[in-house]
Amino acid sequence: MKYLSNVSTLTYDESLCTGCRYCSQVCPSGVFIMESKKAVITDKDLCIECGACQKNCDSNAITVLAGVGCSSALIQSFFTGEAPSCGCSDGSKSVCC
């Protein structure tokens, strides 16, 4: 599922990748796959900024601002049972991410 295009904070430096495969195994959205012993981003817009890839990347090839924006709001909503609020609304019901 894509939320918004071109807003993900995910960055990846393929030259630092050691081919450990952890990013492709832990990503809940399938952002990473392995090709020729290196991770490859399938679609950056699929990233929900959960941070699992970065936390499991020992080579520091991946960075992401985890816990921001809409993905954080959806996760918090799941745990609290409240309606998601990502902070991008101006207070009117017509504006939301």
PDB file of N, CA and C in Angstrom:
ATOM      1  N   MET A   1       0.852  -1.165   0.000  1.00  0.00           N
ATOM      2  CA  MET A   1       0.000   0.000   0.000  1.00  0.00           C
ATOM      3  C   MET A   1       0.901   1.232   0.000  1.00  0.00           C
ATOM      4  N   LYS A   2       0.608   2.154  -0.873  1.00  0.00           N
ATOM      5  CA  LYS A   2       1.325   3.420  -0.912  1.00  0.00           C
ATOM      6  C   LYS A   2       0.484   4.479  -0.231  1.00  0.00           C
ATOM      7  N   TYR A   3       1.143   5.322   0.540  1.00  0.00           N
ATOM      8  CA  TYR A   3       0.439   6.393   1.222  1.00  0.00           C
ATOM      9  C   TYR A   3       0.584   7.689   0.437  1.00  0.00           C
ATOM     10  N   LEU A   4       1.781   8.213   0.365  1.00  0.00           N
ATOM     11  CA  LEU A   4       2.064   9.434  -0.376  1.00  0.00           C
ATOM     12  C   LEU A   4       3.316   9.200  -1.210  1.00  0.00           C
ATOM     13  N   SER A   5       3.395   9.806  -2.372  1.00  0.00           N
ATOM     14  CA  SER A   5       4.558   9.634  -3.234  1.00  0.00           C
ATOM     15  C   SER A   5       5.655  10.630  -2.881  1.00  0.00           C
ATOM     16  N   ASN A   6       6.872  10.169  -2.974  1.00  0.00           N
ATOM     17  CA  ASN A   6       8.063  11.012  -2.821  1.00  0.00           C
ATOM     18  C   ASN A   6       8.172  11.733  -1.490  1.00  0.00           C
ATOM     19  N   VAL A   7       7.749  11.107  -0.392  1.00  0.00           N
ATOM     20  CA  VAL A   7       7.883  11.735   0.917  1.00  0.00           C
ATOM     21  C   VAL A   7       8.678  10.889   1.912  1.00  0.00           C
ATOM     22  N   SER A   8       8.997   9.683   1.557  1.00  0.00           N
ATOM     23  CA  SER A   8       9.714   8.796   2.475  1.00  0.00           C
ATOM     24  C   SER A   8      11.103   9.346   2.790  1.00  0.00           C
ATOM     25  N   THR A   9      11.517   9.197   4.040  1.00  0.00           N
ATOM     26  CA  THR A   9      12.838   9.636   4.465  1.00  0.00           C
ATOM     27  C   THR A   9      13.890   8.545   4.267  1.00  0.00           C
ATOM     28  N   LEU A  10      13.515   7.437   3.680  1.00  0.00           N
ATOM     29  CA  LEU A  10      14.419   6.309   3.461  1.00  0.00           C
ATOM     30  C   LEU A  10      15.553   6.681   2.514  1.00  0.00           C
ATOM     31  N   THR A  11      16.794   6.395   2.937  1.00  0.00           N
ATOM     32  CA  THR A  11      17.946   6.517   2.051  1.00  0.00           C
ATOM     33  C   THR A  11      18.739   5.224   2.131  1.00  0.00           C
ATOM     34  N   TYR A  12      19.385   4.872   1.036  1.00  0.00           N
ATOM     35  CA  TYR A  12      20.123   3.618   0.953  1.00  0.00           C
ATOM     36  C   TYR A  12      21.388   3.836   0.138  1.00  0.00           C
ATOM     37  N   ASP A  13      22.523   3.403   0.690  1.00  0.00           N
ATOM     38  CA  ASP A  13      23.809   3.497   0.011  1.00  0.00           C
ATOM     39  C   ASP A  13      24.264   2.085  -0.344  1.00  0.00           C
ATOM     40  N   GLU A  14      24.033   1.706  -1.589  1.00  0.00           N
ATOM     41  CA  GLU A  14      24.337   0.344  -2.035  1.00  0.00           C
ATOM     42  C   GLU A  14      25.815  -0.007  -1.851  1.00  0.00           C
ATOM     43  N   SER A  15      26.701   0.977  -1.927  1.00  0.00           N
ATOM     44  CA  SER A  15      28.129   0.702  -1.787  1.00  0.00           C
ATOM     45  C   SER A  15      28.486   0.204  -0.386  1.00  0.00           C
ATOM     46  N   LEU A  16      27.653   0.487   0.611  1.00  0.00           N
ATOM     47  CA  LEU A  16      27.887   0.016   1.976  1.00  0.00           C
ATOM     48  C   LEU A  16      27.250  -1.341   2.263  1.00  0.00           C
ATOM     49  N   CYS A  17      26.374  -1.800   1.390  1.00  0.00           N
ATOM     50  CA  CYS A  17      25.642  -3.045   1.600  1.00  0.00           C
ATOM     51  C   CYS A  17      26.590  -4.242   1.579  1.00  0.00           C
ATOM     52  N   THR A  18      26.457  -5.105   2.593  1.00  0.00           N
ATOM     53  CA  THR A  18      27.272  -6.324   2.685  1.00  0.00           C
ATOM     54  C   THR A  18      26.517  -7.562   2.210  1.00  0.00           C
ATOM     55  N   GLY A  19      25.256  -7.397   1.858  1.00  0.00           N
ATOM     56  CA  GLY A  19      24.465  -8.526   1.369  1.00  0.00           C
ATOM     57  C   GLY A  19      23.942  -9.431   2.457  1.00  0.00           C
ATOM     58  N   CYS A  20      23.767  -8.913   3.645  1.00  0.00           N
ATOM     59  CA  CYS A  20      23.314  -9.744   4.776  1.00  0.00           C
ATOM     60  C   CYS A  20      21.858 -10.205   4.643  1.00  0.00           C
ATOM     61  N   ARG A  21      21.061  -9.524   3.838  1.00  0.00           N
ATOM     62  CA  ARG A  21      19.658  -9.866   3.583  1.00  0.00           C
ATOM     63  C   ARG A  21      18.668  -9.441   4.671  1.00  0.00           C
ATOM     64  N   TYR A  22      19.139  -8.905   5.771  1.00  0.00           N
ATOM     65  CA  TYR A  22      18.224  -8.583   6.867  1.00  0.00           C
ATOM     66  C   TYR A  22      17.145  -7.591   6.454  1.00  0.00           C
ATOM     67  N   CYS A  23      17.505  -6.579   5.689  1.00  0.00           N
ATOM     68  CA  CYS A  23      16.506  -5.579   5.298  1.00  0.00           C
ATOM     69  C   CYS A  23      15.357  -6.219   4.524  1.00  0.00           C
ATOM     70  N   SER A  24      15.690  -7.126   3.626  1.00  0.00           N
ATOM     71  CA  SER A  24      14.640  -7.771   2.828  1.00  0.00           C
ATOM     72  C   SER A  24      13.801  -8.730   3.671  1.00  0.00           C
ATOM     73  N   GLN A  25      14.360  -9.216   4.760  1.00  0.00           N
ATOM     74  CA  GLN A  25      13.635 -10.143   5.629  1.00  0.00           C
ATOM     75  C   GLN A  25      12.730  -9.434   6.626  1.00  0.00           C
ATOM     76  N   VAL A  26      13.130  -8.256   7.093  1.00  0.00           N
ATOM     77  CA  VAL A  26      12.360  -7.585   8.148  1.00  0.00           C
ATOM     78  C   VAL A  26      11.386  -6.528   7.646  1.00  0.00           C
ATOM     79  N   CYS A  27      11.533  -6.073   6.417  1.00  0.00           N
ATOM     80  CA  CYS A  27      10.656  -5.023   5.913  1.00  0.00           C
ATOM     81  C   CYS A  27       9.232  -5.544   5.723  1.00  0.00           C
ATOM     82  N   PRO A  28       8.250  -4.967   6.429  1.00  0.00           N
ATOM     83  CA  PRO A  28       6.870  -5.441   6.293  1.00  0.00           C
ATOM     84  C   PRO A  28       6.210  -5.036   4.977  1.00  0.00           C
ATOM     85  N   SER A  29       6.836  -4.122   4.239  1.00  0.00           N
ATOM     86  CA  SER A  29       6.237  -3.615   3.005  1.00  0.00           C
ATOM     87  C   SER A  29       6.918  -4.115   1.741  1.00  0.00           C
ATOM     88  N   GLY A  30       7.959  -4.907   1.874  1.00  0.00           N
ATOM     89  CA  GLY A  30       8.644  -5.433   0.699  1.00  0.00           C
ATOM     90  C   GLY A  30       9.421  -4.390  -0.079  1.00  0.00           C
ATOM     91  N   VAL A  31       9.971  -3.407   0.629  1.00  0.00           N
ATOM     92  CA  VAL A  31      10.713  -2.342  -0.036  1.00  0.00           C
ATOM     93  C   VAL A  31      12.027  -2.866  -0.608  1.00  0.00           C
ATOM     94  N   PHE A  32      12.649  -3.839   0.068  1.00  0.00           N
ATOM     95  CA  PHE A  32      13.951  -4.353  -0.358  1.00  0.00           C
ATOM     96  C   PHE A  32      13.852  -5.770  -0.899  1.00  0.00           C
ATOM     97  N   ILE A  33      14.606  -6.037  -1.961  1.00  0.00           N
ATOM     98  CA  ILE A  33      14.819  -7.390  -2.465  1.00  0.00           C
ATOM     99  C   ILE A  33      16.322  -7.549  -2.681  1.00  0.00           C
ATOM    100  N   MET A  34      16.755  -8.753  -2.856  1.00  0.00           N
ATOM    101  CA  MET A  34      18.175  -9.012  -3.087  1.00  0.00           C
ATOM    102  C   MET A  34      18.397  -9.311  -4.565  1.00  0.00           C
ATOM    103  N   GLU A  35      19.398  -8.656  -5.127  1.00  0.00           N
ATOM    104  CA  GLU A  35      19.813  -8.900  -6.506  1.00  0.00           C
ATOM    105  C   GLU A  35      21.332  -8.853  -6.552  1.00  0.00           C
ATOM    106  N   SER A  36      21.948  -9.874  -7.090  1.00  0.00           N
ATOM    107  CA  SER A  36      23.410  -9.930  -7.216  1.00  0.00           C
ATOM    108  C   SER A  36      24.109  -9.656  -5.886  1.00  0.00           C
ATOM    109  N   LYS A  37      23.594 -10.277  -4.825  1.00  0.00           N
ATOM    110  CA  LYS A  37      24.173 -10.192  -3.480  1.00  0.00           C
ATOM    111  C   LYS A  37      24.162  -8.792  -2.871  1.00  0.00           C
ATOM    112  N   LYS A  38      23.269  -7.951  -3.342  1.00  0.00           N
ATOM    113  CA  LYS A  38      23.087  -6.608  -2.790  1.00  0.00           C
ATOM    114  C   LYS A  38      21.586  -6.336  -2.653  1.00  0.00           C
ATOM    115  N   ALA A  39      21.242  -5.533  -1.666  1.00  0.00           N
ATOM    116  CA  ALA A  39      19.851  -5.118  -1.518  1.00  0.00           C
ATOM    117  C   ALA A  39      19.520  -4.086  -2.595  1.00  0.00           C
ATOM    118  N   VAL A  40      18.284  -4.136  -3.053  1.00  0.00           N
ATOM    119  CA  VAL A  40      17.782  -3.198  -4.055  1.00  0.00           C
ATOM    120  C   VAL A  40      16.421  -2.710  -3.576  1.00  0.00           C
ATOM    121  N   ILE A  41      16.174  -1.417  -3.703  1.00  0.00           N
ATOM    122  CA  ILE A  41      14.865  -0.866  -3.350  1.00  0.00           C
ATOM    123  C   ILE A  41      13.897  -1.134  -4.493  1.00  0.00           C
ATOM    124  N   THR A  42      12.784  -1.799  -4.169  1.00  0.00           N
ATOM    125  CA  THR A  42      11.770  -2.089  -5.184  1.00  0.00           C
ATOM    126  C   THR A  42      10.938  -0.853  -5.493  1.00  0.00           C
ATOM    127  N   ASP A  43      10.501  -0.161  -4.435  1.00  0.00           N
ATOM    128  CA  ASP A  43       9.685   1.039  -4.581  1.00  0.00           C
ATOM    129  C   ASP A  43       9.761   1.814  -3.272  1.00  0.00           C
ATOM    130  N   LYS A  44      10.469   2.908  -3.270  1.00  0.00           N
ATOM    131  CA  LYS A  44      10.669   3.706  -2.062  1.00  0.00           C
ATOM    132  C   LYS A  44       9.348   4.199  -1.475  1.00  0.00           C
ATOM    133  N   ASP A  45       8.350   4.391  -2.311  1.00  0.00           N
ATOM    134  CA  ASP A  45       7.053   4.885  -1.840  1.00  0.00           C
ATOM    135  C   ASP A  45       6.281   3.852  -1.021  1.00  0.00           C
ATOM    136  N   LEU A  46       6.734   2.602  -1.000  1.00  0.00           N
ATOM    137  CA  LEU A  46       6.103   1.582  -0.165  1.00  0.00           C
ATOM    138  C   LEU A  46       6.552   1.672   1.287  1.00  0.00           C
ATOM    139  N   CYS A  47       7.627   2.402   1.548  1.00  0.00           N
ATOM    140  CA  CYS A  47       8.211   2.501   2.886  1.00  0.00           C
ATOM    141  C   CYS A  47       7.237   3.159   3.857  1.00  0.00           C
ATOM    142  N   ILE A  48       7.003   2.487   4.996  1.00  0.00           N
ATOM    143  CA  ILE A  48       6.139   3.049   6.034  1.00  0.00           C
ATOM    144  C   ILE A  48       6.958   3.648   7.181  1.00  0.00           C
ATOM    145  N   GLU A  49       8.266   3.750   6.978  1.00  0.00           N
ATOM    146  CA  GLU A  49       9.174   4.384   7.934  1.00  0.00           C
ATOM    147  C   GLU A  49       9.102   3.759   9.326  1.00  0.00           C
ATOM    148  N   CYS A  50       9.016   2.439   9.372  1.00  0.00           N
ATOM    149  CA  CYS A  50       8.968   1.754  10.664  1.00  0.00           C
ATOM    150  C   CYS A  50      10.351   1.647  11.295  1.00  0.00           C
ATOM    151  N   GLY A  51      11.403   1.666  10.486  1.00  0.00           N
ATOM    152  CA  GLY A  51      12.761   1.626  10.992  1.00  0.00           C
ATOM    153  C   GLY A  51      13.376   0.249  11.125  1.00  0.00           C
ATOM    154  N   ALA A  52      12.630  -0.798  10.797  1.00  0.00           N
ATOM    155  CA  ALA A  52      13.148  -2.163  10.953  1.00  0.00           C
ATOM    156  C   ALA A  52      14.388  -2.403  10.097  1.00  0.00           C
ATOM    157  N   CYS A  53      14.399  -1.882   8.896  1.00  0.00           N
ATOM    158  CA  CYS A  53      15.551  -2.091   8.007  1.00  0.00           C
ATOM    159  C   CYS A  53      16.807  -1.449   8.581  1.00  0.00           C
ATOM    160  N   GLN A  54      16.686  -0.228   9.044  1.00  0.00           N
ATOM    161  CA  GLN A  54      17.840   0.488   9.599  1.00  0.00           C
ATOM    162  C   GLN A  54      18.361  -0.200  10.855  1.00  0.00           C
ATOM    163  N   LYS A  55      17.454  -0.618  11.726  1.00  0.00           N
ATOM    164  CA  LYS A  55      17.867  -1.259  12.976  1.00  0.00           C
ATOM    165  C   LYS A  55      18.592  -2.572  12.736  1.00  0.00           C
ATOM    166  N   ASN A  56      18.320  -3.216  11.636  1.00  0.00           N
ATOM    167  CA  ASN A  56      18.934  -4.505  11.338  1.00  0.00           C
ATOM    168  C   ASN A  56      20.090  -4.424  10.355  1.00  0.00           C
ATOM    169  N   CYS A  57      20.441  -3.226   9.912  1.00  0.00           N
ATOM    170  CA  CYS A  57      21.524  -3.043   8.940  1.00  0.00           C
ATOM    171  C   CYS A  57      22.825  -2.744   9.679  1.00  0.00           C
ATOM    172  N   ASP A  58      23.674  -3.751   9.826  1.00  0.00           N
ATOM    173  CA  ASP A  58      24.945  -3.587  10.532  1.00  0.00           C
ATOM    174  C   ASP A  58      25.946  -2.732   9.773  1.00  0.00           C
ATOM    175  N   SER A  59      25.750  -2.579   8.468  1.00  0.00           N
ATOM    176  CA  SER A  59      26.713  -1.826   7.666  1.00  0.00           C
ATOM    177  C   SER A  59      26.346  -0.350   7.526  1.00  0.00           C
ATOM    178  N   ASN A  60      25.243   0.069   8.159  1.00  0.00           N
ATOM    179  CA  ASN A  60      24.781   1.462   8.095  1.00  0.00           C
ATOM    180  C   ASN A  60      24.513   1.940   6.676  1.00  0.00           C
ATOM    181  N   ALA A  61      24.058   1.044   5.836  1.00  0.00           N
ATOM    182  CA  ALA A  61      23.729   1.400   4.460  1.00  0.00           C
ATOM    183  C   ALA A  61      22.353   2.040   4.352  1.00  0.00           C
ATOM    184  N   ILE A  62      21.535   1.881   5.387  1.00  0.00           N
ATOM    185  CA  ILE A  62      20.144   2.346   5.357  1.00  0.00           C
ATOM    186  C   ILE A  62      19.906   3.345   6.475  1.00  0.00           C
ATOM    187  N   THR A  63      19.253   4.445   6.138  1.00  0.00           N
ATOM    188  CA  THR A  63      18.791   5.385   7.148  1.00  0.00           C
ATOM    189  C   THR A  63      17.339   5.742   6.853  1.00  0.00           C
ATOM    190  N   VAL A  64      16.591   5.950   7.910  1.00  0.00           N
ATOM    191  CA  VAL A  64      15.194   6.346   7.782  1.00  0.00           C
ATOM    192  C   VAL A  64      14.784   7.013   9.087  1.00  0.00           C
ATOM    193  N   LEU A  65      13.981   8.052   8.996  1.00  0.00           N
ATOM    194  CA  LEU A  65      13.464   8.705  10.188  1.00  0.00           C
ATOM    195  C   LEU A  65      12.242   7.925  10.655  1.00  0.00           C
ATOM    196  N   ALA A  66      12.479   6.938  11.497  1.00  0.00           N
ATOM    197  CA  ALA A  66      11.390   6.091  11.987  1.00  0.00           C
ATOM    198  C   ALA A  66      10.496   6.855  12.953  1.00  0.00           C
ATOM    199  N   GLY A  67       9.215   6.518  12.923  1.00  0.00           N
ATOM    200  CA  GLY A  67       8.272   7.122  13.858  1.00  0.00           C
ATOM    201  C   GLY A  67       7.767   8.484  13.461  1.00  0.00           C
ATOM    202  N   VAL A  68       7.820   8.794  12.180  1.00  0.00           N
ATOM    203  CA  VAL A  68       7.321  10.093  11.718  1.00  0.00           C
ATOM    204  C   VAL A  68       6.131   9.895  10.789  1.00  0.00           C
ATOM    205  N   GLY A  69       5.313  10.906  10.654  1.00  0.00           N
ATOM    206  CA  GLY A  69       4.268  10.926   9.637  1.00  0.00           C
ATOM    207  C   GLY A  69       3.164   9.906   9.799  1.00  0.00           C
ATOM    208  N   CYS A  70       2.603   9.545   8.675  1.00  0.00           N
ATOM    209  CA  CYS A  70       1.412   8.699   8.646  1.00  0.00           C
ATOM    210  C   CYS A  70       1.654   7.288   9.153  1.00  0.00           C
ATOM    211  N   SER A  71       2.813   6.718   8.886  1.00  0.00           N
ATOM    212  CA  SER A  71       3.072   5.361   9.356  1.00  0.00           C
ATOM    213  C   SER A  71       3.069   5.326  10.875  1.00  0.00           C
ATOM    214  N   SER A  72       3.664   6.317  11.489  1.00  0.00           N
ATOM    215  CA  SER A  72       3.671   6.382  12.950  1.00  0.00           C
ATOM    216  C   SER A  72       2.245   6.509  13.482  1.00  0.00           C
ATOM    217  N   ALA A  73       1.440   7.323  12.833  1.00  0.00           N
ATOM    218  CA  ALA A  73       0.053   7.507  13.263  1.00  0.00           C
ATOM    219  C   ALA A  73      -0.728   6.199  13.186  1.00  0.00           C
ATOM    220  N   LEU A  74      -0.520   5.431  12.132  1.00  0.00           N
ATOM    221  CA  LEU A  74      -1.230   4.160  11.988  1.00  0.00           C
ATOM    222  C   LEU A  74      -0.796   3.159  13.039  1.00  0.00           C
ATOM    223  N   ILE A  75       0.504   3.108  13.325  1.00  0.00           N
ATOM    224  CA  ILE A  75       1.012   2.188  14.344  1.00  0.00           C
ATOM    225  C   ILE A  75       0.478   2.570  15.719  1.00  0.00           C
ATOM    226  N   GLN A  76       0.532   3.865  16.059  1.00  0.00           N
ATOM    227  CA  GLN A  76       0.014   4.327  17.345  1.00  0.00           C
ATOM    228  C   GLN A  76      -1.482   4.029  17.466  1.00  0.00           C
ATOM    229  N   SER A  77      -2.204   4.213  16.386  1.00  0.00           N
ATOM    230  CA  SER A  77      -3.634   3.940  16.384  1.00  0.00           C
ATOM    231  C   SER A  77      -3.922   2.472  16.681  1.00  0.00           C
ATOM    232  N   PHE A  78      -3.105   1.606  16.120  1.00  0.00           N
ATOM    233  CA  PHE A  78      -3.275   0.169  16.348  1.00  0.00           C
ATOM    234  C   PHE A  78      -3.150  -0.161  17.831  1.00  0.00           C
ATOM    235  N   PHE A  79      -2.159   0.425  18.486  1.00  0.00           N
ATOM    236  CA  PHE A  79      -1.908   0.116  19.889  1.00  0.00           C
ATOM    237  C   PHE A  79      -2.850   0.822  20.851  1.00  0.00           C
ATOM    238  N   THR A  80      -3.304   2.014  20.506  1.00  0.00           N
ATOM    239  CA  THR A  80      -4.161   2.767  21.419  1.00  0.00           C
ATOM    240  C   THR A  80      -5.641   2.564  21.150  1.00  0.00           C
ATOM    241  N   GLY A  81      -5.990   2.125  19.940  1.00  0.00           N
ATOM    242  CA  GLY A  81      -7.392   1.964  19.583  1.00  0.00           C
ATOM    243  C   GLY A  81      -8.054   3.271  19.191  1.00  0.00           C
ATOM    244  N   GLU A  82      -7.287   4.350  19.165  1.00  0.00           N
ATOM    245  CA  GLU A  82      -7.828   5.656  18.792  1.00  0.00           C
ATOM    246  C   GLU A  82      -7.674   5.877  17.293  1.00  0.00           C
ATOM    247  N   ALA A  83      -8.383   6.876  16.773  1.00  0.00           N
ATOM    248  CA  ALA A  83      -8.278   7.215  15.351  1.00  0.00           C
ATOM    249  C   ALA A  83      -6.874   7.734  15.060  1.00  0.00           C
ATOM    250  N   PRO A  84      -6.301   7.378  13.905  1.00  0.00           N
ATOM    251  CA  PRO A  84      -4.959   7.859  13.571  1.00  0.00           C
ATOM    252  C   PRO A  84      -4.920   9.374  13.393  1.00  0.00           C
ATOM    253  N   SER A  85      -3.865   9.971  13.900  1.00  0.00           N
ATOM    254  CA  SER A  85      -3.638  11.402  13.722  1.00  0.00           C
ATOM    255  C   SER A  85      -2.152  11.606  13.490  1.00  0.00           C
ATOM    256  N   CYS A  86      -1.804  12.030  12.289  1.00  0.00           N
ATOM    257  CA  CYS A  86      -0.393  12.164  11.940  1.00  0.00           C
ATOM    258  C   CYS A  86       0.110  13.592  12.066  1.00  0.00           C
ATOM    259  N   GLY A  87      -0.746  14.522  12.443  1.00  0.00           N
ATOM    260  CA  GLY A  87      -0.306  15.886  12.664  1.00  0.00           C
ATOM    261  C   GLY A  87      -0.221  16.726  11.406  1.00  0.00           C
ATOM    262  N   CYS A  88      -0.668  16.200  10.275  1.00  0.00           N
ATOM    263  CA  CYS A  88      -0.574  16.994   9.050  1.00  0.00           C
ATOM    264  C   CYS A  88      -1.879  17.711   8.736  1.00  0.00           C
ATOM    265  N   SER A  89      -2.853  17.569   9.575  1.00  0.00           N
ATOM    266  CA  SER A  89      -4.128  18.237   9.362  1.00  0.00           C
ATOM    267  C   SER A  89      -4.096  19.647   9.941  1.00  0.00           C
ATOM    268  N   ASP A  90      -4.798  20.555   9.296  1.00  0.00           N
ATOM    269  CA  ASP A  90      -4.871  21.927   9.812  1.00  0.00           C
ATOM    270  C   ASP A  90      -6.066  22.123  10.736  1.00  0.00           C
ATOM    271  N   GLY A  91      -6.700  21.021  11.122  1.00  0.00           N
ATOM    272  CA  GLY A  91      -7.861  21.103  11.999  1.00  0.00           C
ATOM    273  C   GLY A  91      -9.179  20.928  11.272  1.00  0.00           C
ATOM    274  N   SER A  92      -9.184  21.139   9.964  1.00  0.00           N
ATOM    275  CA  SER A  92     -10.401  20.917   9.203  1.00  0.00           C
ATOM    276  C   SER A  92     -10.426  19.464   8.737  1.00  0.00           C
ATOM    277  N   LYS A  93     -11.579  18.954   8.505  1.00  0.00           N
ATOM    278  CA  LYS A  93     -11.686  17.564   8.063  1.00  0.00           C
ATOM    279  C   LYS A  93     -11.296  17.376   6.617  1.00  0.00           C
ATOM    280  N   SER A  94     -11.099  18.476   5.893  1.00  0.00           N
ATOM    281  CA  SER A  94     -10.799  18.379   4.475  1.00  0.00           C
ATOM    282  C   SER A  94      -9.301  18.180   4.184  1.00  0.00           C
ATOM    283  N   VAL A  95      -8.459  18.413   5.187  1.00  0.00           N
ATOM    284  CA  VAL A  95      -7.024  18.306   4.974  1.00  0.00           C
ATOM    285  C   VAL A  95      -6.474  17.180   5.840  1.00  0.00           C
ATOM    286  N   CYS A  96      -5.913  16.196   5.213  1.00  0.00           N
ATOM    287  CA  CYS A  96      -5.246  15.116   5.925  1.00  0.00           C
ATOM    288  C   CYS A  96      -4.357  14.385   4.937  1.00  0.00           C
ATOM    289  N   CYS A  97      -3.380  13.720   5.464  1.00  0.00           N
ATOM    290  CA  CYS A  97      -2.473  12.988   4.599  1.00  0.00           C
ATOM    291  C   CYS A  97      -3.111  11.686   4.174  1.00  0.00           C
TER     292      CYS A  97
END
